[in-house]
Every structure is written in structure tokens, then in C-alpha cells.
Protein backbone atom coordinates (compact mmCIF):
# COMPACT_ATOMS: atom_id res chain seq x y z
CA UNK A 1 -0.05 -0.04 -0.07
CA UNK A 2 1.09 3.60 -0.62
CA UNK A 3 0.55 6.40 1.69
CA UNK A 4 -2.89 6.96 0.54
CA UNK A 5 -3.86 3.33 1.33
CA UNK A 6 -3.97 2.20 -2.34
CA UNK A 7 -2.26 -0.73 -3.80
CA UNK A 8 -0.55 -0.44 -7.32
CA UNK A 9 -3.61 -1.71 -9.28
CA UNK A 10 -5.88 0.92 -7.65
CA UNK A 11 -3.32 3.63 -8.37
CA UNK A 12 -3.04 2.68 -12.03
CA UNK A 13 -6.86 2.70 -12.35
CA UNK A 14 -7.10 6.17 -10.74
CA UNK A 15 -4.26 7.21 -13.25
CA UNK A 16 -5.94 5.75 -16.22
CA UNK A 17 -9.14 7.60 -15.40
CA UNK A 18 -7.15 10.79 -15.03
CA UNK A 19 -5.51 10.35 -18.40
CA UNK A 20 -9.12 10.27 -20.01
CA UNK A 21 -10.17 13.47 -18.26
CA UNK A 22 -8.27 15.96 -20.42
CA UNK A 23 -5.89 16.18 -23.31
CA UNK A 24 -4.83 13.32 -25.75
CA UNK A 25 -2.58 10.42 -24.74
CA UNK A 26 -1.07 7.59 -26.87
CA UNK A 27 -1.59 3.97 -25.56
CA UNK A 28 0.48 1.69 -27.82
CA UNK A 29 -0.08 -2.03 -28.04
CA UNK A 30 2.62 -4.38 -26.85
CA UNK A 31 2.34 -8.11 -27.50
CA UNK A 32 4.43 -9.58 -24.86
CA UNK A 33 6.06 -8.54 -21.48
CA UNK A 34 9.24 -7.41 -23.15
CA UNK A 35 7.57 -5.15 -25.71
CA UNK A 36 5.48 -3.78 -22.86
CA UNK A 37 8.55 -2.93 -20.84
CA UNK A 38 10.26 -1.42 -23.86
CA UNK A 39 7.20 0.95 -24.45
CA UNK A 40 7.10 1.83 -20.77
CA UNK A 41 10.79 2.73 -20.87
CA UNK A 42 10.10 5.03 -23.87
CA UNK A 43 7.80 7.07 -21.67
CA UNK A 44 4.25 6.09 -22.64
CA UNK A 45 1.87 6.67 -19.79
CA UNK A 46 -0.38 3.59 -20.53
CA UNK A 47 -0.51 0.65 -22.71
CA UNK A 48 -3.08 -1.66 -24.27
CA UNK A 49 -2.96 -5.37 -25.27
CA UNK A 50 -3.56 -6.51 -28.78
CA UNK A 51 -5.52 -9.71 -29.50
CA UNK A 52 -3.83 -9.95 -32.84
CA UNK A 53 -0.30 -9.45 -31.53
CA UNK A 54 -0.88 -12.09 -28.85
CA UNK A 55 -2.30 -14.57 -31.34
CA UNK A 56 0.68 -14.22 -33.65
CA UNK A 57 3.06 -15.10 -30.71
CA UNK A 58 1.22 -18.30 -30.43
CA UNK A 59 1.45 -19.08 -34.02
CA UNK A 60 -2.23 -18.47 -34.78
CA UNK A 61 -4.44 -15.79 -36.41
CA UNK A 62 -6.37 -13.18 -34.62
CA UNK A 63 -9.55 -14.55 -32.87
CA UNK A 64 -8.06 -17.92 -32.26
CA UNK A 65 -7.04 -17.39 -28.64
CA UNK A 66 -9.02 -18.71 -25.75
CA UNK A 67 -10.50 -16.74 -22.91
CA UNK A 68 -8.22 -18.35 -20.32
CA UNK A 69 -5.12 -17.72 -22.46
CA UNK A 70 -6.06 -14.10 -22.72
CA UNK A 71 -6.57 -13.84 -18.97
CA UNK A 72 -3.11 -15.26 -18.38
CA UNK A 73 -1.68 -12.80 -20.96
CA UNK A 74 -3.45 -9.86 -19.23
CA UNK A 75 -1.76 -10.87 -16.02
CA UNK A 76 1.58 -11.09 -17.61
CA UNK A 77 1.43 -7.72 -19.31
CA UNK A 78 0.02 -5.98 -16.24
CA UNK A 79 2.63 -7.52 -14.02
CA UNK A 80 5.45 -6.54 -16.33
CA UNK A 81 4.83 -2.74 -16.10
CA UNK A 82 3.96 0.02 -13.57
CA UNK A 83 1.68 1.94 -15.99
CA UNK A 84 -1.94 1.23 -16.55
CA UNK A 85 -2.88 -1.58 -19.06
CA UNK A 86 -6.10 -1.62 -21.12
CA UNK A 87 -7.24 -5.05 -22.21
CA UNK A 88 -8.35 -5.85 -25.76
CA UNK A 89 -11.10 -8.24 -24.41
CA UNK A 90 -12.65 -8.63 -27.92
CA UNK A 91 -16.43 -9.76 -27.62
CA UNK A 92 -16.08 -10.67 -23.98
CA UNK A 93 -15.56 -14.23 -24.93
CA UNK A 94 -19.35 -14.86 -24.76
CA UNK A 95 -22.40 -14.08 -26.63
CA UNK A 96 -24.95 -13.69 -23.83
CA UNK A 97 -24.78 -10.74 -21.47
CA UNK A 98 -24.42 -13.10 -18.34
CA UNK A 99 -21.46 -14.73 -20.02
CA UNK A 100 -19.95 -11.38 -20.78
CA UNK A 101 -20.36 -10.26 -17.25
CA UNK A 102 -18.76 -13.31 -15.68
CA UNK A 103 -15.77 -13.01 -17.85
CA UNK A 104 -15.42 -9.34 -17.33
CA UNK A 105 -15.38 -10.08 -13.60
CA UNK A 106 -12.43 -12.42 -14.19
CA UNK A 107 -10.67 -9.87 -16.40
CA UNK A 108 -10.97 -7.19 -13.66
CA UNK A 109 -9.08 -9.47 -11.38
CA UNK A 110 -5.86 -9.57 -13.51
CA UNK A 111 -4.33 -6.12 -12.74
CA UNK A 112 -5.73 -4.15 -15.79
CA UNK A 113 -6.87 -0.67 -15.60
CA UNK A 114 -9.52 -0.95 -18.47
CA UNK A 115 -11.07 -3.17 -21.01
CA UNK A 116 -12.94 -2.97 -24.26
CA UNK A 117 -16.11 -4.91 -25.27
CA UNK A 118 -16.76 -5.11 -29.09
CA UNK A 119 -19.86 -5.81 -30.99
CA UNK A 120 -18.46 -8.08 -33.64
CA UNK A 121 -20.28 -11.41 -33.76
CA UNK A 122 -17.71 -13.44 -35.69
CA UNK A 123 -20.55 -14.38 -38.13
CA UNK A 124 -19.70 -13.49 -41.72
CA UNK A 125 -23.25 -13.31 -42.78
CA UNK A 126 -24.23 -11.08 -39.89
CA UNK A 127 -21.05 -9.62 -38.40
CA UNK A 128 -22.43 -7.30 -35.81
CA UNK A 129 -24.54 -8.39 -32.77
CA UNK A 130 -28.10 -7.36 -33.07
CA UNK A 131 -28.47 -3.75 -31.70
CA UNK A 132 -30.45 -4.56 -28.53
CA UNK A 133 -28.11 -7.46 -27.64
CA UNK A 134 -24.96 -5.43 -28.23
CA UNK A 135 -26.22 -2.75 -25.77
CA UNK A 136 -27.17 -5.29 -23.26
CA UNK A 137 -23.63 -6.82 -23.40
CA UNK A 138 -22.05 -3.44 -22.75
CA UNK A 139 -24.63 -2.91 -19.90
CA UNK A 140 -23.59 -6.36 -18.46
CA UNK A 141 -19.93 -5.38 -18.62
CA UNK A 142 -20.79 -2.25 -16.70
CA UNK A 143 -22.59 -4.09 -13.99
CA UNK A 144 -19.83 -6.63 -13.66
CA UNK A 145 -17.21 -3.83 -13.27
CA UNK A 146 -19.41 -2.00 -10.69
CA UNK A 147 -19.86 -5.30 -8.82
CA UNK A 148 -16.10 -5.89 -8.92
CA UNK A 149 -15.47 -2.43 -7.16
CA UNK A 150 -12.32 -1.94 -9.15
CA UNK A 151 -13.50 1.09 -11.19
CA UNK A 152 -11.67 -0.07 -14.36
CA UNK A 153 -12.42 1.92 -17.50
CA UNK A 154 -15.06 0.24 -19.79
CA UNK A 155 -14.65 0.95 -23.48
CA UNK A 156 -17.47 0.20 -25.91
CA UNK A 157 -16.35 -0.64 -29.39
CA UNK A 158 -18.29 -0.79 -32.59
CA UNK A 159 -16.65 -2.84 -35.23
CA UNK A 160 -18.65 -1.99 -38.41
CA UNK A 161 -15.70 -0.54 -40.20
CA UNK A 162 -13.61 -3.68 -39.42
CA UNK A 163 -16.16 -6.33 -40.50
CA UNK A 164 -17.45 -4.77 -43.64
CA UNK A 165 -20.34 -2.76 -42.47
CA UNK A 166 -18.81 0.80 -42.79
CA UNK A 167 -21.90 2.91 -42.00
CA UNK A 168 -20.96 5.90 -39.94
CA UNK A 169 -24.60 6.65 -38.83
CA UNK A 170 -25.01 3.17 -37.53
CA UNK A 171 -21.63 3.26 -35.80
CA UNK A 172 -22.62 6.62 -34.09
CA UNK A 173 -26.02 5.20 -33.07
CA UNK A 174 -24.22 2.16 -31.45
CA UNK A 175 -21.68 4.26 -29.79
CA UNK A 176 -24.16 6.63 -28.33
CA UNK A 177 -26.10 3.58 -26.97
CA UNK A 178 -22.97 2.12 -25.43
CA UNK A 179 -22.33 5.40 -23.63
CA UNK A 180 -25.76 5.35 -22.32
CA UNK A 181 -25.30 1.67 -21.22
CA UNK A 182 -22.32 2.78 -19.23
CA UNK A 183 -19.21 2.75 -21.32
CA UNK A 184 -16.75 5.26 -20.12
CA UNK A 185 -14.83 5.54 -23.45
CA UNK A 186 -16.03 4.94 -27.09
CA UNK A 187 -14.13 3.44 -29.90
CA UNK A 188 -14.77 2.59 -33.59
CA UNK A 189 -11.54 1.02 -35.04
CA UNK A 190 -10.67 1.57 -38.70
CA UNK A 191 -12.15 4.99 -38.89
CA UNK A 192 -9.67 6.87 -41.19
CA UNK A 193 -11.76 9.94 -42.23
CA UNK A 194 -11.37 13.24 -40.22
CA UNK A 195 -14.91 14.11 -40.62
CA UNK A 196 -15.97 10.69 -39.28
CA UNK A 197 -13.59 11.18 -36.29
CA UNK A 198 -15.06 14.65 -35.58
CA UNK A 199 -18.70 13.29 -35.91
CA UNK A 200 -18.07 10.61 -33.47
CA UNK A 201 -16.42 12.96 -30.99
CA UNK A 202 -19.30 15.39 -31.19
CA UNK A 203 -21.85 12.61 -30.90
CA UNK A 204 -20.65 10.99 -27.74
CA UNK A 205 -19.24 14.20 -26.01
CA UNK A 206 -18.41 14.53 -23.12
CA UNK A 207 -17.28 10.81 -23.13
CA UNK A 208 -13.65 10.37 -24.38
CA UNK A 209 -13.11 8.70 -27.76
CA UNK A 210 -10.25 6.44 -28.66
CA UNK A 211 -8.86 6.58 -32.27
CA UNK A 212 -7.05 3.58 -33.98
CA UNK A 213 -4.12 4.93 -35.97
CA UNK A 214 -2.85 2.00 -37.99
CA UNK A 215 -1.77 4.01 -41.12
CA UNK A 216 -0.15 7.43 -41.39
CA UNK A 217 -3.46 9.31 -42.24
CA UNK A 218 -3.21 11.64 -39.08
CA UNK A 219 -0.78 12.77 -36.45
CA UNK A 220 -1.34 12.58 -32.63
CA UNK A 221 -1.51 16.35 -32.57
CA UNK A 222 -4.00 16.49 -35.29
CA UNK A 223 -6.21 13.87 -33.63
CA UNK A 224 -6.00 15.92 -30.43
CA UNK A 225 -7.37 19.00 -32.38
CA UNK A 226 -10.28 16.93 -33.43
CA UNK A 227 -11.05 16.24 -29.83
CA UNK A 228 -9.77 12.64 -29.52
CA UNK A 229 -8.75 11.69 -26.12
CA UNK A 230 -7.04 8.44 -26.54
CA UNK A 231 -4.84 6.95 -29.37
CA UNK A 232 -4.03 3.30 -29.92
CA UNK A 233 -2.27 1.37 -32.61
CA UNK A 234 -3.79 -2.18 -32.42
CA UNK A 235 -1.62 -4.87 -33.92
CA UNK A 236 0.31 -2.53 -36.12
CA UNK A 237 3.54 -2.28 -33.89
CA UNK A 238 3.50 -6.12 -33.78
CA UNK A 239 3.17 -6.16 -37.58
CA UNK A 240 6.05 -3.67 -37.81
CA UNK A 241 8.24 -6.04 -35.81
CA UNK A 242 7.14 -8.92 -37.93
CA UNK A 243 7.95 -6.86 -40.99
CA UNK A 244 11.62 -6.39 -39.83
CA UNK A 245 11.90 -10.07 -38.81
CA UNK A 246 10.47 -11.44 -42.14
CA UNK A 247 12.65 -9.05 -44.30
CA UNK A 248 15.78 -10.20 -42.48
CA UNK A 249 14.82 -13.91 -42.48
CA UNK A 250 13.99 -13.74 -46.18
CA UNK A 251 17.27 -12.14 -46.99
CA UNK A 252 19.07 -15.11 -45.41
CA UNK A 253 16.91 -17.50 -46.89
CA UNK A 254 17.17 -16.21 -50.52
CA UNK A 255 20.59 -14.76 -50.69
CA UNK A 256 22.64 -15.94 -47.57
CA UNK A 257 23.37 -12.28 -46.71
CA UNK A 258 22.87 -10.41 -43.53
CA UNK A 259 22.57 -6.70 -44.31
CA UNK A 260 19.56 -6.38 -42.04
CA UNK A 261 21.77 -7.14 -38.90
CA UNK A 262 23.18 -3.50 -38.98
CA UNK A 263 22.03 -0.67 -36.78
CA UNK A 264 20.12 -2.86 -34.46
CA UNK A 265 19.05 -1.72 -30.98
CA UNK A 266 20.75 -2.60 -27.71
CA UNK A 267 17.76 -4.24 -26.21
CA UNK A 268 19.55 -5.34 -22.99
CA UNK A 269 20.32 -1.71 -22.28
CA UNK A 270 16.61 -0.66 -22.94
CA UNK A 271 15.29 -3.31 -20.65
CA UNK A 272 17.90 -2.87 -17.96
CA UNK A 273 20.06 -5.77 -18.46
């Protein structure tokens, strides 16, 4: 306990909520404890997990990781750093609201400071949960967090632009409903038009908005000017690392040369070795 009687997890939740209260902060996405510690050493004030980045470390595609594997991953990432960690909790690893609530209760006990619940169904024919069910799922997550007494930040995600339903009006309708259901922060990944960003910020104000930046369509400063409170990068840092690895490995396999082995970072020094 610190002098205010709070443990580290409680302090991180308080800090995470403070970060959402004003300004704009970047919450990059590590995929393992080493990348989490490296990002912390670079000065980022909060981090977020990435379901895709985790899946790739296990030799799988995104959405092929179990709930229990994710819960263990959350414990590892939160335990590796001092800064707040937000969990990519996908669809809550359940369809029905009661299942979402039970799983959120388990996630809240891993040391995270926040988590997101998305409305992607995984059904190619009907990729978004029906509206009322989607809202009930967010409300169930809210109730679970309240029952846990942790105060972790709940983010409501609408996945239309990810799963082939890029309708900004429907996205806004869902985000507003998730805010009304108790989401603290709102998020629509793959939004890449500034007018759409501005429309979402205005529609859910004063609730904070998370913006995914996975291509160079905007800067952090420009996002802040649009009213974005939080920026994340999803699996894109992990893909950047995979890009460097595959480029070097392909050169070795194809030509037997090692030009990519120049100018490499001192990872031991970064991580305190």
C-alpha cells in the first residue's frame, strides 16, 4: 500500500481515469512483457494489449485465442509494467450478457486498468450483434465492473468498419447507446476519415473517444485537435516487428546475406540488462 492506502492496481486505475479526463494520450499496444517494458521505458503513460499481437506469438491468427489464454496474458502484461494497461477483451468471450459479465469479472482481477467490449459477432453473414443485444452486453460489462469494485475503465467498441459494415450513422448510433449503457470511453476501429472522427467525438461528448491509428493518415497532434482523447495502434506495432523479422529472414533464406543485422538496438540496455 502507498501512503494513501491504495495498492498499485488501484493507483493505476485512478491514473488511467485521470488520463481520460483531459488532453490526448497515446496508448500503444505491446504483444508480450518485453515489448510492454520497452514501451514503458520510452515514456508512454499507458499501454493496451492486442488480440492479434498475442495470437501471432502463439502461431495463430487473430480471434483464435481462448479466454483463459487471454486472462493469463493480461496478468503477464499488467505484471510486467507499472503503467496502466487496457485489455483488448474482444467480444467478452461470450455471446449472452451473463457470460460477458462473468468473464469481465475475471478480467477485472488480472491487474488491468480498463477493457473494451466489441460488438463483432464473428458471423460473416451477420457480423455485428443485433443492436439490443449489443447494448445489453455493454450494460452487463458495466454491471460486472461495478460489482467488482475495481473502477476499471470500460470502452464500448463498434466494429462496423472492421467487419464490412462501414456505416458511420449506424456506428454513431451504437456508440451513443453504449455510452448510455455505461461505457466510459467509445471506440470505432478503422475509422480513417477526419470528418468521421469529428462526428463521433461530437456525438458522444463529453465521453472520451479512442482513435486507432494503423496508417499514417493523421498525427497525434491532429487527432487531439479533433477532440480525440486516446490513441492506440492495435496490432500495427507487432506487424512492424514482424515486418523487420521477415525481411531479415527472407534475405538470409534467399541470398545468404545479413545486411539487416546492421544498426540494431541494444535491447538489454533498454530493458535494464
